[in-house]
Amino acid sequence: MIALAVLRHDQRLADMAGGNNVSESTVRRWRDALITLFAAQAPRLDRALKKVAR
């Protein structure tokens, strides 16, 4: 949830980390892992364009 809040509300990492008793680097790792997960789940552009064309 912390990583989603960082992405959704553009919160500073230090603010989110301090308010939740975790380090800033931990929040950074969570954020990066979440972006990687979202990127892996996203359709490739060529597949999405073919689907729209149909």
N, C-alpha and C. Protein backbone atom coordinates (compact mmCIF):
# COMPACT_ATOMS: atom_id res chain seq x y z
N MET A 1 0.81 -1.19 0.00
CA MET A 1 0.00 0.00 0.00
C MET A 1 0.86 1.26 0.00
N ILE A 2 1.98 1.18 0.68
CA ILE A 2 2.87 2.34 0.74
C ILE A 2 3.41 2.66 -0.65
N ALA A 3 3.81 1.63 -1.39
CA ALA A 3 4.34 1.84 -2.74
C ALA A 3 3.26 2.40 -3.65
N LEU A 4 2.04 1.93 -3.52
CA LEU A 4 0.95 2.48 -4.32
C LEU A 4 0.70 3.94 -3.99
N ALA A 5 0.78 4.29 -2.72
CA ALA A 5 0.59 5.69 -2.32
C ALA A 5 1.67 6.58 -2.91
N VAL A 6 2.90 6.07 -2.95
CA VAL A 6 3.99 6.84 -3.54
C VAL A 6 3.71 7.11 -5.01
N LEU A 7 3.24 6.09 -5.73
CA LEU A 7 2.96 6.24 -7.15
C LEU A 7 1.71 7.08 -7.40
N ARG A 8 0.66 6.82 -6.67
CA ARG A 8 -0.63 7.46 -6.92
C ARG A 8 -0.65 8.93 -6.53
N HIS A 9 -0.10 9.22 -5.38
CA HIS A 9 -0.21 10.58 -4.85
C HIS A 9 1.10 11.36 -4.96
N ASP A 10 2.10 10.77 -5.61
CA ASP A 10 3.38 11.43 -5.80
C ASP A 10 3.98 11.90 -4.47
N GLN A 11 3.86 11.05 -3.46
CA GLN A 11 4.41 11.37 -2.15
C GLN A 11 5.93 11.21 -2.18
N ARG A 12 6.61 12.00 -1.39
CA ARG A 12 8.05 11.85 -1.28
C ARG A 12 8.35 10.56 -0.54
N LEU A 13 9.40 9.88 -0.98
CA LEU A 13 9.77 8.61 -0.35
C LEU A 13 10.08 8.79 1.13
N ALA A 14 10.79 9.84 1.47
CA ALA A 14 11.16 10.07 2.86
C ALA A 14 9.92 10.30 3.73
N ASP A 15 8.93 11.00 3.20
CA ASP A 15 7.70 11.24 3.96
C ASP A 15 6.96 9.94 4.23
N MET A 16 6.82 9.11 3.21
CA MET A 16 6.11 7.85 3.37
C MET A 16 6.88 6.90 4.27
N ALA A 17 8.19 6.89 4.15
CA ALA A 17 9.00 5.99 4.97
C ALA A 17 8.94 6.39 6.44
N GLY A 18 9.12 7.66 6.71
CA GLY A 18 9.12 8.13 8.09
C GLY A 18 7.79 7.91 8.78
N GLY A 19 6.71 8.11 8.06
CA GLY A 19 5.38 7.93 8.64
C GLY A 19 5.00 6.49 8.87
N ASN A 20 5.74 5.56 8.28
CA ASN A 20 5.40 4.15 8.40
C ASN A 20 6.52 3.32 9.04
N ASN A 21 7.50 3.98 9.61
CA ASN A 21 8.60 3.33 10.34
C ASN A 21 9.37 2.33 9.49
N VAL A 22 9.63 2.67 8.25
CA VAL A 22 10.52 1.89 7.38
C VAL A 22 11.53 2.85 6.78
N SER A 23 12.61 2.31 6.23
CA SER A 23 13.62 3.19 5.66
C SER A 23 13.21 3.66 4.26
N GLU A 24 13.82 4.75 3.86
CA GLU A 24 13.54 5.30 2.54
C GLU A 24 13.97 4.33 1.45
N SER A 25 15.08 3.63 1.65
CA SER A 25 15.54 2.68 0.64
C SER A 25 14.57 1.50 0.50
N THR A 26 13.90 1.12 1.58
CA THR A 26 12.91 0.05 1.51
C THR A 26 11.72 0.48 0.67
N VAL A 27 11.25 1.69 0.89
CA VAL A 27 10.13 2.21 0.09
C VAL A 27 10.55 2.32 -1.37
N ARG A 28 11.78 2.71 -1.64
CA ARG A 28 12.28 2.81 -3.01
C ARG A 28 12.28 1.43 -3.68
N ARG A 29 12.74 0.39 -2.94
CA ARG A 29 12.74 -0.97 -3.49
C ARG A 29 11.33 -1.45 -3.77
N TRP A 30 10.40 -1.18 -2.85
CA TRP A 30 9.00 -1.57 -3.05
C TRP A 30 8.42 -0.88 -4.27
N ARG A 31 8.70 0.42 -4.41
CA ARG A 31 8.20 1.17 -5.55
C ARG A 31 8.74 0.61 -6.86
N ASP A 32 10.04 0.34 -6.90
CA ASP A 32 10.65 -0.20 -8.11
C ASP A 32 10.12 -1.58 -8.45
N ALA A 33 9.89 -2.41 -7.43
CA ALA A 33 9.34 -3.75 -7.65
C ALA A 33 7.91 -3.66 -8.19
N LEU A 34 7.15 -2.71 -7.69
CA LEU A 34 5.77 -2.54 -8.15
C LEU A 34 5.73 -2.06 -9.60
N ILE A 35 6.61 -1.15 -9.96
CA ILE A 35 6.68 -0.68 -11.35
C ILE A 35 7.06 -1.83 -12.27
N THR A 36 8.00 -2.67 -11.85
CA THR A 36 8.40 -3.83 -12.64
C THR A 36 7.24 -4.79 -12.82
N LEU A 37 6.48 -5.01 -11.75
CA LEU A 37 5.32 -5.89 -11.82
C LEU A 37 4.27 -5.33 -12.78
N PHE A 38 3.97 -4.04 -12.68
CA PHE A 38 3.00 -3.42 -13.58
C PHE A 38 3.47 -3.50 -15.03
N ALA A 39 4.74 -3.27 -15.27
CA ALA A 39 5.28 -3.32 -16.63
C ALA A 39 5.17 -4.72 -17.21
N ALA A 40 5.38 -5.73 -16.38
CA ALA A 40 5.28 -7.11 -16.87
C ALA A 40 3.84 -7.48 -17.20
N GLN A 41 2.89 -6.88 -16.52
CA GLN A 41 1.48 -7.19 -16.74
C GLN A 41 0.87 -6.38 -17.89
N ALA A 42 1.52 -5.30 -18.27
CA ALA A 42 0.98 -4.43 -19.32
C ALA A 42 1.10 -5.09 -20.69
N PRO A 43 0.10 -4.91 -21.53
CA PRO A 43 0.19 -5.48 -22.87
C PRO A 43 1.25 -4.76 -23.69
N ARG A 44 1.86 -5.50 -24.58
CA ARG A 44 2.83 -4.87 -25.46
C ARG A 44 2.09 -3.95 -26.42
N LEU A 45 2.75 -2.91 -26.86
CA LEU A 45 2.12 -1.91 -27.70
C LEU A 45 1.62 -2.51 -29.00
N ASP A 46 2.40 -3.37 -29.65
CA ASP A 46 1.96 -3.93 -30.92
C ASP A 46 0.71 -4.79 -30.75
N ARG A 47 0.64 -5.54 -29.66
CA ARG A 47 -0.56 -6.36 -29.40
C ARG A 47 -1.77 -5.49 -29.10
N ALA A 48 -1.56 -4.44 -28.34
CA ALA A 48 -2.67 -3.55 -28.02
C ALA A 48 -3.19 -2.84 -29.27
N LEU A 49 -2.31 -2.44 -30.17
CA LEU A 49 -2.74 -1.76 -31.40
C LEU A 49 -3.50 -2.73 -32.31
N LYS A 50 -3.06 -3.98 -32.38
CA LYS A 50 -3.78 -4.98 -33.19
C LYS A 50 -5.17 -5.21 -32.63
N LYS A 51 -5.28 -5.27 -31.32
CA LYS A 51 -6.58 -5.48 -30.68
C LYS A 51 -7.52 -4.30 -30.95
N VAL A 52 -7.00 -3.10 -30.89
CA VAL A 52 -7.81 -1.91 -31.15
C VAL A 52 -8.24 -1.88 -32.62
N ALA A 53 -7.35 -2.31 -33.51
CA ALA A 53 -7.67 -2.31 -34.94
C ALA A 53 -8.78 -3.29 -35.28
N ARG A 54 -8.83 -4.41 -34.53
CA ARG A 54 -9.91 -5.38 -34.75
C ARG A 54 -11.20 -4.81 -34.32
